[in-house]
Amino acid sequence: MMSLGKAEKKAARAARLSAALRENLKRRKAQARGRAQSQDVKQSQDVKEAPSPGKAAAEAEAPDFRRNRGSE
């Protein structure tokens, strides 16, 4: 049987762990939102940017490493 001291220690540890898990989840969600936002900004900048003829030619000469090349 557990004594009162052990039960209190277990409860305190459980409370610390649950608080740490909540903080970790909040941090990870904030990171994901930041990544999504920066990705949106980058995509909108790519759309605004007109491809130059030299850039398109360089991309056309680059090797294609995709697995399913014929599916497009």
Protein backbone atom coordinates (compact mmCIF):
# COMPACT_ATOMS: atom_id res chain seq x y z
CA MET A 1 0.00 0.00 0.00
CA MET A 2 1.23 3.53 -0.76
CA SER A 3 1.74 5.98 2.03
CA LEU A 4 0.32 9.49 1.86
CA GLY A 5 3.73 10.92 0.96
CA LYS A 6 4.10 8.67 -2.06
CA ALA A 7 0.61 9.48 -3.28
CA GLU A 8 1.29 13.20 -3.02
CA LYS A 9 4.57 12.79 -4.90
CA LYS A 10 2.85 10.82 -7.65
CA ALA A 11 0.09 13.42 -7.95
CA ALA A 12 2.59 16.27 -8.10
CA ARG A 13 4.62 14.46 -10.77
CA ALA A 14 1.49 13.77 -12.81
CA ALA A 15 0.51 17.44 -12.58
CA ARG A 16 3.99 18.55 -13.71
CA LEU A 17 3.96 16.12 -16.62
CA SER A 18 0.50 17.15 -17.78
CA ALA A 19 1.49 20.83 -17.60
CA ALA A 20 4.65 20.12 -19.57
CA LEU A 21 2.66 18.21 -22.19
CA ARG A 22 0.19 21.10 -22.55
CA GLU A 23 3.03 23.59 -22.99
CA ASN A 24 4.72 21.32 -25.52
CA LEU A 25 1.50 21.00 -27.50
CA LYS A 26 1.01 24.78 -27.51
CA ARG A 27 4.60 25.30 -28.69
CA ARG A 28 4.28 22.73 -31.47
CA LYS A 29 0.98 24.20 -32.67
CA ALA A 30 2.52 27.67 -32.76
CA GLN A 31 5.46 26.32 -34.76
CA ALA A 32 3.11 24.62 -37.22
CA ARG A 33 1.08 27.81 -37.64
CA GLY A 34 4.29 29.76 -38.24
CA ARG A 35 5.48 27.24 -40.83
CA ALA A 36 2.12 27.30 -42.59
CA GLN A 37 2.07 31.08 -42.62
CA SER A 38 5.60 31.33 -44.01
CA GLN A 39 4.73 28.71 -46.62
CA ASP A 40 1.68 30.77 -47.67
CA VAL A 41 3.80 33.91 -47.94
CA LYS A 42 6.42 32.06 -49.99
CA GLN A 43 3.80 30.62 -52.33
CA SER A 44 2.18 34.00 -52.86
CA GLN A 45 5.60 35.49 -53.65
CA ASP A 46 6.27 32.70 -56.14
CA VAL A 47 2.98 33.40 -57.89
CA LYS A 48 3.73 37.13 -58.11
CA GLU A 49 7.23 36.51 -59.45
CA ALA A 50 7.24 36.06 -63.23
CA PRO A 51 9.64 33.35 -64.41
CA SER A 52 12.51 34.69 -66.45
CA PRO A 53 13.45 32.89 -69.72
CA GLY A 54 16.91 32.00 -68.39
CA LYS A 55 15.48 30.47 -65.25
CA ALA A 56 12.96 28.37 -67.18
CA ALA A 57 15.71 27.07 -69.47
CA ALA A 58 17.89 26.14 -66.50
CA GLU A 59 14.99 24.26 -64.90
CA ALA A 60 14.26 22.42 -68.14
CA GLU A 61 17.84 21.14 -68.33
CA ALA A 62 17.88 19.92 -64.72
CA PRO A 63 17.52 16.15 -64.25
CA ASP A 64 14.13 14.88 -63.19
CA PHE A 65 14.39 12.75 -60.04
CA ARG A 66 10.68 12.18 -59.48
CA ARG A 67 9.49 8.59 -59.23
CA ASN A 68 6.36 8.86 -61.37
CA ARG A 69 7.45 11.11 -64.20
CA GLY A 70 4.85 9.95 -66.72
CA SER A 71 1.83 10.50 -64.51
CA GLU A 72 1.64 14.28 -65.09
